[in-house]
Amino acid sequence: MNYPVLDLKATGERINQLRKDNNLRVIDVAEYMGFESTQAVYKWQRGESLPTVDNLYALSRLLHTSVDDILIGEKERDDEPSLSFCLCA
C-alpha cells in the first residue's frame, strides 16, 4: 500500500465542480459554512489550501458526496475508504 498524497489543485477543481453540480454559488457555500467572506472557499477552489476536517465534513454534506470524493475523487480511489468506522464489541 502506497502512502496517499493529496493533490491540492485537483481537490480544488473537484470542490469547484461539485459546487457547480449542486447549483451553488461560492457565496452559498461561504454562508453555509458560517464564513463572513468567500475568501476561504476561493482558496480551496484554487488549490491554495484545504478545508479543515470539520469543514470537509460539512462540505461533504452540503455537496451530497463523501469526503473521499472531495479529496481524491472517484477515479483515484482505492477499495479502502479513508474514513471507516468500526462498531467493534
N, C-alpha and C. Protein backbone atom coordinates (compact mmCIF):
# COMPACT_ATOMS: atom_id res chain seq x y z
N MET A 1 0.85 -1.17 0.00
CA MET A 1 0.00 0.00 0.00
C MET A 1 0.89 1.24 0.00
N ASN A 2 0.63 2.13 -0.95
CA ASN A 2 1.39 3.37 -1.04
C ASN A 2 0.80 4.43 -0.14
N TYR A 3 1.66 5.29 0.38
CA TYR A 3 1.22 6.39 1.22
C TYR A 3 0.44 7.37 0.35
N PRO A 4 -0.81 7.69 0.72
CA PRO A 4 -1.62 8.59 -0.11
C PRO A 4 -1.15 10.04 0.00
N VAL A 5 -1.12 10.72 -1.12
CA VAL A 5 -0.74 12.13 -1.18
C VAL A 5 -1.86 12.89 -1.87
N LEU A 6 -2.27 14.00 -1.28
CA LEU A 6 -3.35 14.79 -1.85
C LEU A 6 -2.81 15.81 -2.84
N ASP A 7 -3.51 15.96 -3.93
CA ASP A 7 -3.20 16.97 -4.94
C ASP A 7 -4.13 18.16 -4.67
N LEU A 8 -3.59 19.22 -4.09
CA LEU A 8 -4.40 20.37 -3.71
C LEU A 8 -5.12 20.99 -4.91
N LYS A 9 -4.45 21.10 -6.03
CA LYS A 9 -5.06 21.70 -7.21
C LYS A 9 -6.24 20.85 -7.69
N ALA A 10 -6.06 19.54 -7.78
CA ALA A 10 -7.13 18.65 -8.23
C ALA A 10 -8.28 18.65 -7.23
N THR A 11 -7.97 18.70 -5.94
CA THR A 11 -9.01 18.77 -4.92
C THR A 11 -9.82 20.05 -5.08
N GLY A 12 -9.14 21.16 -5.32
CA GLY A 12 -9.82 22.42 -5.54
C GLY A 12 -10.73 22.38 -6.76
N GLU A 13 -10.25 21.75 -7.81
CA GLU A 13 -11.07 21.62 -9.02
C GLU A 13 -12.31 20.77 -8.74
N ARG A 14 -12.16 19.72 -7.92
CA ARG A 14 -13.33 18.89 -7.56
C ARG A 14 -14.32 19.68 -6.72
N ILE A 15 -13.82 20.46 -5.76
CA ILE A 15 -14.72 21.29 -4.94
C ILE A 15 -15.50 22.24 -5.85
N ASN A 16 -14.81 22.88 -6.77
CA ASN A 16 -15.45 23.80 -7.70
C ASN A 16 -16.51 23.09 -8.53
N GLN A 17 -16.17 21.93 -9.08
CA GLN A 17 -17.10 21.20 -9.93
C GLN A 17 -18.30 20.68 -9.13
N LEU A 18 -18.05 20.15 -7.94
CA LEU A 18 -19.15 19.66 -7.10
C LEU A 18 -20.08 20.80 -6.71
N ARG A 19 -19.51 21.96 -6.44
CA ARG A 19 -20.32 23.13 -6.12
C ARG A 19 -21.23 23.47 -7.29
N LYS A 20 -20.66 23.50 -8.48
CA LYS A 20 -21.44 23.81 -9.68
C LYS A 20 -22.49 22.74 -9.95
N ASP A 21 -22.11 21.48 -9.76
CA ASP A 21 -23.06 20.37 -9.98
C ASP A 21 -24.28 20.49 -9.06
N ASN A 22 -24.08 21.11 -7.91
CA ASN A 22 -25.17 21.29 -6.95
C ASN A 22 -25.83 22.66 -7.06
N ASN A 23 -25.52 23.37 -8.16
CA ASN A 23 -26.11 24.69 -8.43
C ASN A 23 -25.94 25.65 -7.26
N LEU A 24 -24.75 25.66 -6.70
CA LEU A 24 -24.44 26.55 -5.58
C LEU A 24 -23.44 27.60 -6.02
N ARG A 25 -23.61 28.80 -5.52
CA ARG A 25 -22.65 29.87 -5.74
C ARG A 25 -21.61 29.81 -4.63
N VAL A 26 -20.48 30.43 -4.84
CA VAL A 26 -19.44 30.47 -3.81
C VAL A 26 -20.00 31.11 -2.53
N ILE A 27 -20.80 32.14 -2.68
CA ILE A 27 -21.39 32.80 -1.51
C ILE A 27 -22.31 31.85 -0.76
N ASP A 28 -22.99 30.94 -1.47
CA ASP A 28 -23.85 29.96 -0.81
C ASP A 28 -23.02 29.04 0.09
N VAL A 29 -21.89 28.60 -0.41
CA VAL A 29 -21.00 27.73 0.37
C VAL A 29 -20.47 28.49 1.58
N ALA A 30 -20.01 29.70 1.36
CA ALA A 30 -19.46 30.51 2.46
C ALA A 30 -20.51 30.74 3.54
N GLU A 31 -21.73 31.06 3.15
CA GLU A 31 -22.79 31.29 4.14
C GLU A 31 -23.13 30.01 4.90
N TYR A 32 -23.18 28.88 4.19
CA TYR A 32 -23.46 27.59 4.84
C TYR A 32 -22.39 27.29 5.91
N MET A 33 -21.14 27.62 5.57
CA MET A 33 -20.03 27.35 6.47
C MET A 33 -19.95 28.36 7.61
N GLY A 34 -20.70 29.44 7.51
CA GLY A 34 -20.67 30.47 8.54
C GLY A 34 -19.52 31.44 8.39
N PHE A 35 -18.96 31.54 7.17
CA PHE A 35 -17.86 32.45 6.91
C PHE A 35 -18.40 33.85 6.64
N GLU A 36 -17.63 34.84 7.01
CA GLU A 36 -18.03 36.22 6.75
C GLU A 36 -17.70 36.65 5.33
N SER A 37 -16.78 35.94 4.67
CA SER A 37 -16.44 36.26 3.29
C SER A 37 -16.25 34.96 2.51
N THR A 38 -16.04 35.11 1.21
CA THR A 38 -15.87 33.95 0.33
C THR A 38 -14.40 33.57 0.15
N GLN A 39 -13.50 34.28 0.80
CA GLN A 39 -12.06 34.10 0.58
C GLN A 39 -11.61 32.64 0.77
N ALA A 40 -12.04 31.98 1.83
CA ALA A 40 -11.60 30.61 2.10
C ALA A 40 -12.07 29.66 1.00
N VAL A 41 -13.30 29.83 0.56
CA VAL A 41 -13.85 28.95 -0.49
C VAL A 41 -13.05 29.13 -1.78
N TYR A 42 -12.74 30.36 -2.14
CA TYR A 42 -11.94 30.60 -3.34
C TYR A 42 -10.54 29.99 -3.20
N LYS A 43 -9.95 30.05 -2.01
CA LYS A 43 -8.64 29.44 -1.79
C LYS A 43 -8.71 27.93 -1.96
N TRP A 44 -9.78 27.32 -1.48
CA TRP A 44 -9.96 25.88 -1.67
C TRP A 44 -10.03 25.56 -3.16
N GLN A 45 -10.85 26.32 -3.88
CA GLN A 45 -11.06 26.05 -5.30
C GLN A 45 -9.80 26.26 -6.13
N ARG A 46 -8.94 27.17 -5.72
CA ARG A 46 -7.68 27.40 -6.43
C ARG A 46 -6.59 26.41 -6.02
N GLY A 47 -6.85 25.60 -5.02
CA GLY A 47 -5.85 24.65 -4.55
C GLY A 47 -4.78 25.28 -3.70
N GLU A 48 -5.08 26.42 -3.11
CA GLU A 48 -4.11 27.11 -2.25
C GLU A 48 -4.18 26.60 -0.81
N SER A 49 -5.29 26.02 -0.43
CA SER A 49 -5.44 25.45 0.91
C SER A 49 -6.53 24.39 0.88
N LEU A 50 -6.59 23.62 1.95
CA LEU A 50 -7.63 22.60 2.10
C LEU A 50 -8.56 22.99 3.24
N PRO A 51 -9.80 22.59 3.15
CA PRO A 51 -10.70 22.82 4.28
C PRO A 51 -10.22 22.02 5.51
N THR A 52 -10.53 22.53 6.69
CA THR A 52 -10.23 21.77 7.90
C THR A 52 -11.10 20.52 7.92
N VAL A 53 -10.81 19.61 8.81
CA VAL A 53 -11.57 18.35 8.88
C VAL A 53 -13.05 18.62 9.11
N ASP A 54 -13.38 19.51 10.04
CA ASP A 54 -14.79 19.77 10.29
C ASP A 54 -15.44 20.47 9.09
N ASN A 55 -14.71 21.34 8.40
CA ASN A 55 -15.25 21.97 7.20
C ASN A 55 -15.39 20.98 6.05
N LEU A 56 -14.47 20.02 5.96
CA LEU A 56 -14.59 18.97 4.93
C LEU A 56 -15.86 18.16 5.15
N TYR A 57 -16.13 17.82 6.40
CA TYR A 57 -17.33 17.05 6.71
C TYR A 57 -18.58 17.85 6.34
N ALA A 58 -18.63 19.12 6.74
CA ALA A 58 -19.77 19.97 6.42
C ALA A 58 -19.91 20.13 4.91
N LEU A 59 -18.80 20.31 4.22
CA LEU A 59 -18.81 20.47 2.77
C LEU A 59 -19.35 19.21 2.09
N SER A 60 -18.96 18.05 2.59
CA SER A 60 -19.46 16.79 2.02
C SER A 60 -20.97 16.68 2.17
N ARG A 61 -21.49 17.15 3.28
CA ARG A 61 -22.95 17.13 3.48
C ARG A 61 -23.63 18.10 2.53
N LEU A 62 -23.09 19.29 2.40
CA LEU A 62 -23.67 20.31 1.52
C LEU A 62 -23.65 19.85 0.07
N LEU A 63 -22.56 19.21 -0.35
CA LEU A 63 -22.39 18.81 -1.74
C LEU A 63 -22.90 17.40 -2.03
N HIS A 64 -23.50 16.76 -1.03
CA HIS A 64 -24.10 15.42 -1.19
C HIS A 64 -23.09 14.40 -1.73
N THR A 65 -21.92 14.38 -1.11
CA THR A 65 -20.88 13.45 -1.53
C THR A 65 -20.06 13.06 -0.31
N SER A 66 -19.05 12.24 -0.51
CA SER A 66 -18.20 11.81 0.60
C SER A 66 -16.94 12.69 0.69
N VAL A 67 -16.30 12.64 1.82
CA VAL A 67 -15.03 13.34 2.00
C VAL A 67 -14.01 12.78 1.00
N ASP A 68 -14.03 11.47 0.79
CA ASP A 68 -13.12 10.85 -0.19
C ASP A 68 -13.32 11.45 -1.57
N ASP A 69 -14.57 11.63 -1.98
CA ASP A 69 -14.83 12.18 -3.31
C ASP A 69 -14.29 13.60 -3.43
N ILE A 70 -14.36 14.35 -2.36
CA ILE A 70 -13.82 15.72 -2.38
C ILE A 70 -12.30 15.68 -2.46
N LEU A 71 -11.68 14.87 -1.63
CA LEU A 71 -10.22 14.87 -1.54
C LEU A 71 -9.52 14.16 -2.68
N ILE A 72 -10.04 13.01 -3.10
CA ILE A 72 -9.33 12.24 -4.12
C ILE A 72 -10.15 11.90 -5.35
N GLY A 73 -11.44 12.05 -5.29
CA GLY A 73 -12.29 11.75 -6.43
C GLY A 73 -12.53 10.27 -6.58
N GLU A 74 -13.52 9.95 -7.38
CA GLU A 74 -13.91 8.55 -7.57
C GLU A 74 -12.88 7.76 -8.37
N LYS A 75 -12.28 8.37 -9.38
CA LYS A 75 -11.36 7.66 -10.27
C LYS A 75 -10.09 7.22 -9.56
N GLU A 76 -9.59 8.04 -8.63
CA GLU A 76 -8.33 7.74 -7.97
C GLU A 76 -8.48 6.87 -6.74
N ARG A 77 -9.72 6.67 -6.29
CA ARG A 77 -9.95 5.97 -5.04
C ARG A 77 -9.61 4.49 -5.14
N ASP A 78 -9.02 3.98 -4.06
CA ASP A 78 -8.79 2.54 -3.99
C ASP A 78 -10.00 1.90 -3.32
N ASP A 79 -9.90 0.63 -3.01
CA ASP A 79 -11.04 -0.08 -2.43
C ASP A 79 -11.30 0.24 -0.98
N GLU A 80 -10.32 0.80 -0.30
CA GLU A 80 -10.46 1.09 1.13
C GLU A 80 -10.85 2.53 1.36
N PRO A 81 -11.97 2.77 2.06
CA PRO A 81 -12.32 4.16 2.38
C PRO A 81 -11.33 4.73 3.37
N SER A 82 -11.05 6.03 3.26
CA SER A 82 -10.11 6.65 4.19
C SER A 82 -10.76 6.92 5.53
N LEU A 83 -12.08 7.06 5.55
CA LEU A 83 -12.80 7.26 6.79
C LEU A 83 -13.73 6.08 6.99
N SER A 84 -13.32 5.14 7.83
CA SER A 84 -14.18 4.00 8.09
C SER A 84 -14.44 3.90 9.58
N PHE A 85 -15.55 3.33 9.91
CA PHE A 85 -15.95 3.24 11.31
C PHE A 85 -16.16 1.78 11.67
N CYS A 86 -15.73 1.44 12.84
CA CYS A 86 -15.88 0.07 13.34
C CYS A 86 -16.74 0.08 14.57
N LEU A 87 -17.80 -0.68 14.54
CA LEU A 87 -18.65 -0.85 15.73
C LEU A 87 -18.25 -2.16 16.37
N CYS A 88 -17.04 -2.18 16.89
CA CYS A 88 -16.48 -3.41 17.48
C CYS A 88 -16.97 -3.57 18.90
N ALA A 89 -17.23 -4.81 19.27
CA ALA A 89 -17.73 -5.10 20.61
C ALA A 89 -16.61 -5.27 21.59
